[in-house]
Protein backbone atom coordinates (compact mmCIF):
# COMPACT_ATOMS: atom_id res chain seq x y z
CA MET A 1 -30.01 -79.99 19.32
CA PRO A 2 -29.27 -82.56 16.64
CA ASP A 3 -32.03 -85.04 15.84
CA GLN A 4 -30.80 -88.12 17.71
CA LYS A 5 -33.02 -90.43 15.61
CA LEU A 6 -31.11 -89.71 12.39
CA SER A 7 -27.58 -90.87 11.67
CA PRO A 8 -25.00 -88.06 11.41
CA GLU A 9 -24.80 -88.72 7.64
CA LYS A 10 -28.56 -88.26 7.24
CA GLN A 11 -28.51 -85.16 9.41
CA LEU A 12 -25.75 -83.67 7.26
CA ALA A 13 -27.73 -84.54 4.12
CA SER A 14 -30.75 -82.69 5.57
CA PHE A 15 -28.58 -79.65 6.32
CA LEU A 16 -27.19 -79.66 2.76
CA ALA A 17 -30.71 -79.94 1.32
CA LYS A 18 -31.56 -76.49 2.73
CA PHE A 19 -29.24 -74.91 0.14
CA THR A 20 -29.84 -74.45 -3.58
CA PRO A 21 -29.08 -77.52 -5.69
CA GLU A 22 -25.98 -75.76 -7.08
CA ILE A 23 -24.49 -75.03 -3.64
CA SER A 24 -25.37 -78.41 -2.14
CA SER A 25 -24.00 -80.27 -5.18
CA LEU A 26 -20.76 -78.25 -5.09
CA ALA A 27 -20.43 -78.90 -1.35
CA GLU A 28 -21.02 -82.63 -1.78
CA SER A 29 -18.31 -82.78 -4.49
CA ILE A 30 -15.90 -80.90 -2.24
CA LEU A 31 -16.66 -83.21 0.68
CA VAL A 32 -15.99 -86.28 -1.49
CA GLU A 33 -12.63 -84.84 -2.51
CA MET A 34 -11.69 -83.84 1.05
CA ARG A 35 -12.56 -87.35 2.26
CA LYS A 36 -10.28 -88.83 -0.40
CA ARG A 37 -7.43 -86.57 0.64
CA TYR A 38 -7.93 -86.90 4.40
CA PRO A 39 -9.52 -90.34 4.90
CA THR A 40 -8.83 -90.44 8.65
CA ALA A 41 -10.15 -86.96 9.42
CA ILE A 42 -12.80 -86.46 12.06
CA GLU A 43 -15.56 -84.32 10.54
CA LEU A 44 -17.18 -81.84 12.89
CA VAL A 45 -20.48 -80.34 11.69
CA TYR A 46 -21.82 -77.02 12.92
CA ASP A 47 -25.13 -75.90 11.46
CA ASN A 48 -24.62 -72.34 12.68
CA TYR A 49 -26.56 -69.10 12.40
CA ASN A 50 -24.50 -67.76 9.47
CA ALA A 51 -23.35 -70.91 7.68
CA LEU A 52 -23.12 -74.68 7.64
CA ALA A 53 -19.53 -75.60 8.51
CA ILE A 54 -17.88 -79.00 8.23
CA GLY A 55 -14.49 -79.10 9.93
CA PHE A 56 -11.74 -81.60 9.16
CA GLY A 57 -9.36 -82.39 11.98
CA PRO A 58 -7.39 -85.10 13.73
CA SER A 59 -9.68 -85.24 16.76
CA GLU A 60 -13.06 -84.21 18.15
CA ARG A 61 -11.54 -80.97 19.43
CA ALA A 62 -12.57 -78.02 17.26
CA SER A 63 -9.36 -76.21 18.24
CA GLU A 64 -7.35 -78.91 16.45
CA ALA A 65 -9.31 -78.77 13.17
CA ILE A 66 -7.17 -77.90 10.16
CA PHE A 67 -9.81 -77.12 7.53
CA SER A 68 -13.46 -76.19 7.44
CA ILE A 69 -15.79 -76.17 4.46
CA ALA A 70 -18.42 -73.45 4.99
CA LEU A 71 -21.60 -73.15 2.96
CA PHE A 72 -23.27 -69.81 2.46
CA PRO A 73 -26.34 -69.09 0.31
CA LYS A 74 -24.29 -68.02 -2.74
CA TRP A 75 -20.87 -69.67 -2.31
CA VAL A 76 -18.72 -72.26 -0.58
CA SER A 77 -15.47 -71.36 1.20
CA MET A 78 -12.61 -73.36 2.61
CA PHE A 79 -11.20 -72.07 5.85
CA PHE A 80 -7.63 -72.76 6.89
CA LEU A 81 -8.31 -72.77 10.60
CA GLN A 82 -4.66 -72.36 11.55
CA GLY A 83 -3.94 -70.31 8.44
CA ALA A 84 -2.99 -66.81 9.60
CA SER A 85 0.70 -67.69 9.53
CA LEU A 86 0.69 -69.74 6.30
CA PRO A 87 3.01 -68.53 3.56
CA ASP A 88 0.83 -67.33 0.68
CA PRO A 89 3.04 -66.22 -2.22
CA ASP A 90 0.12 -66.34 -4.69
CA ASP A 91 -2.06 -64.17 -2.43
CA LYS A 92 -4.94 -66.66 -2.40
CA LEU A 93 -5.94 -66.39 1.25
CA GLN A 94 -8.60 -63.89 2.25
CA GLY A 95 -9.35 -62.47 5.66
CA SER A 96 -7.49 -60.59 8.33
CA GLY A 97 -8.24 -62.51 11.53
CA ASN A 98 -5.59 -63.56 14.02
CA VAL A 99 -6.06 -67.28 13.37
CA ALA A 100 -7.98 -68.32 10.23
CA ARG A 101 -7.93 -67.45 6.53
CA HIS A 102 -10.17 -68.64 3.72
CA ILE A 103 -10.55 -69.07 -0.01
CA ARG A 104 -13.69 -69.31 -2.09
CA LEU A 105 -14.29 -72.60 -3.89
CA PRO A 106 -16.24 -71.84 -7.08
CA SER A 107 -15.66 -75.46 -8.16
CA VAL A 108 -14.17 -78.64 -6.76
CA SER A 109 -11.30 -78.24 -9.24
CA THR A 110 -10.07 -75.25 -7.22
CA LEU A 111 -8.69 -77.82 -4.78
CA ASP A 112 -6.38 -79.07 -7.57
CA GLU A 113 -4.81 -75.69 -8.27
CA PRO A 114 -1.09 -75.89 -7.41
CA SER A 115 -1.22 -72.85 -5.11
CA VAL A 116 -4.20 -74.28 -3.21
CA GLN A 117 -2.54 -77.71 -2.92
CA THR A 118 0.58 -76.00 -1.56
CA LEU A 119 -1.51 -74.14 1.03
CA MET A 120 -3.28 -77.34 2.06
CA ASN A 121 -0.03 -79.28 2.34
CA GLU A 122 1.54 -76.50 4.38
CA ALA A 123 -1.52 -76.30 6.65
CA VAL A 124 -1.31 -80.04 7.34
CA ALA A 125 2.46 -79.84 7.94
CA ARG A 126 2.05 -76.95 10.41
CA ALA A 127 -1.05 -78.25 12.18
CA VAL A 128 -1.17 -78.25 15.97
CA LYS A 129 -1.92 -82.00 15.79
CA ALA A 130 -1.46 -84.26 12.75
CA PHE A 131 -4.06 -86.52 11.17
CA ASP A 132 -3.68 -90.05 12.55
CA PRO A 133 -2.69 -92.29 9.63
CA GLN A 134 -4.29 -95.23 11.49
CA GLY A 135 -7.42 -93.28 12.40
CA VAL A 136 -10.92 -93.95 11.19
CA ARG A 137 -13.04 -91.21 9.64
CA HIS A 138 -16.25 -90.37 11.38
CA LEU A 139 -18.80 -87.60 11.32
CA ILE A 140 -19.97 -85.77 14.43
CA ILE A 141 -22.84 -83.29 14.57
CA LYS A 142 -21.50 -80.81 17.12
CA SER A 143 -24.25 -78.18 17.10
CA VAL A 144 -27.36 -76.96 15.34
CA SER A 145 -28.38 -73.37 15.86
CA ALA A 146 -32.07 -72.85 16.59
CA LYS A 147 -32.01 -69.59 14.63
CA GLN A 148 -30.40 -69.50 11.21
CA ARG A 149 -30.10 -67.09 8.35
CA PRO A 150 -31.84 -68.26 5.18
CA ARG A 151 -29.81 -70.94 3.40
CA ARG A 152 -30.93 -69.81 -0.03
CA PRO A 153 -30.50 -66.40 -1.64
CA ALA A 154 -33.52 -64.15 -1.43
CA GLU A 155 -35.77 -64.37 -4.45
CA LYS A 156 -35.55 -61.29 -6.60
CA MET A 157 -38.94 -59.79 -7.05
CA PRO A 158 -39.70 -58.52 -10.54
CA ARG A 159 -39.88 -54.78 -10.56
CA ALA A 160 -43.40 -53.56 -10.97
CA ARG A 161 -43.87 -51.66 -14.17
CA ASN A 162 -45.22 -48.20 -13.73
CA PRO A 163 -47.71 -47.62 -16.53
CA GLU A 164 -47.16 -43.89 -16.16
CA ALA A 165 -43.37 -44.17 -16.65
CA GLY A 166 -42.26 -42.78 -19.96
CA LYS A 167 -45.45 -40.79 -20.55
CA ARG A 168 -45.04 -37.06 -20.76
């Protein structure tokens, strides 16, 4: 369960801190940009077993979320949660599920690529429910999984040198 003593913002910061500085910094930059673009979005946070996911939608209902930013140990992805039917002439979307598609976000500037902007605009236009232009952004911690995969890549162990290798 979420720590009720901490504000949702502080809880999210603690979730982000579990990742490497590179991943958490990238995610924070992406979140800033998403908040600029969708200032009335309701942010739904799921600190799941596989990933930390922050959904952006018009309501508290996960089924109405339009986007989700998902953090993994080595990358950040943006999920188009109603994206299976989006037109994708530049073949950016990955995945083969019946509902969602995703793209990797190696940098925040990926959001500015014309093909990505087109996908985002189309996703908003086709959404089950639109963002409320009069709404007020807020952050909701929806769930925290008790068991989670490591949030940082495994450390590579140096290979032990075999003193006998190369001797003949």
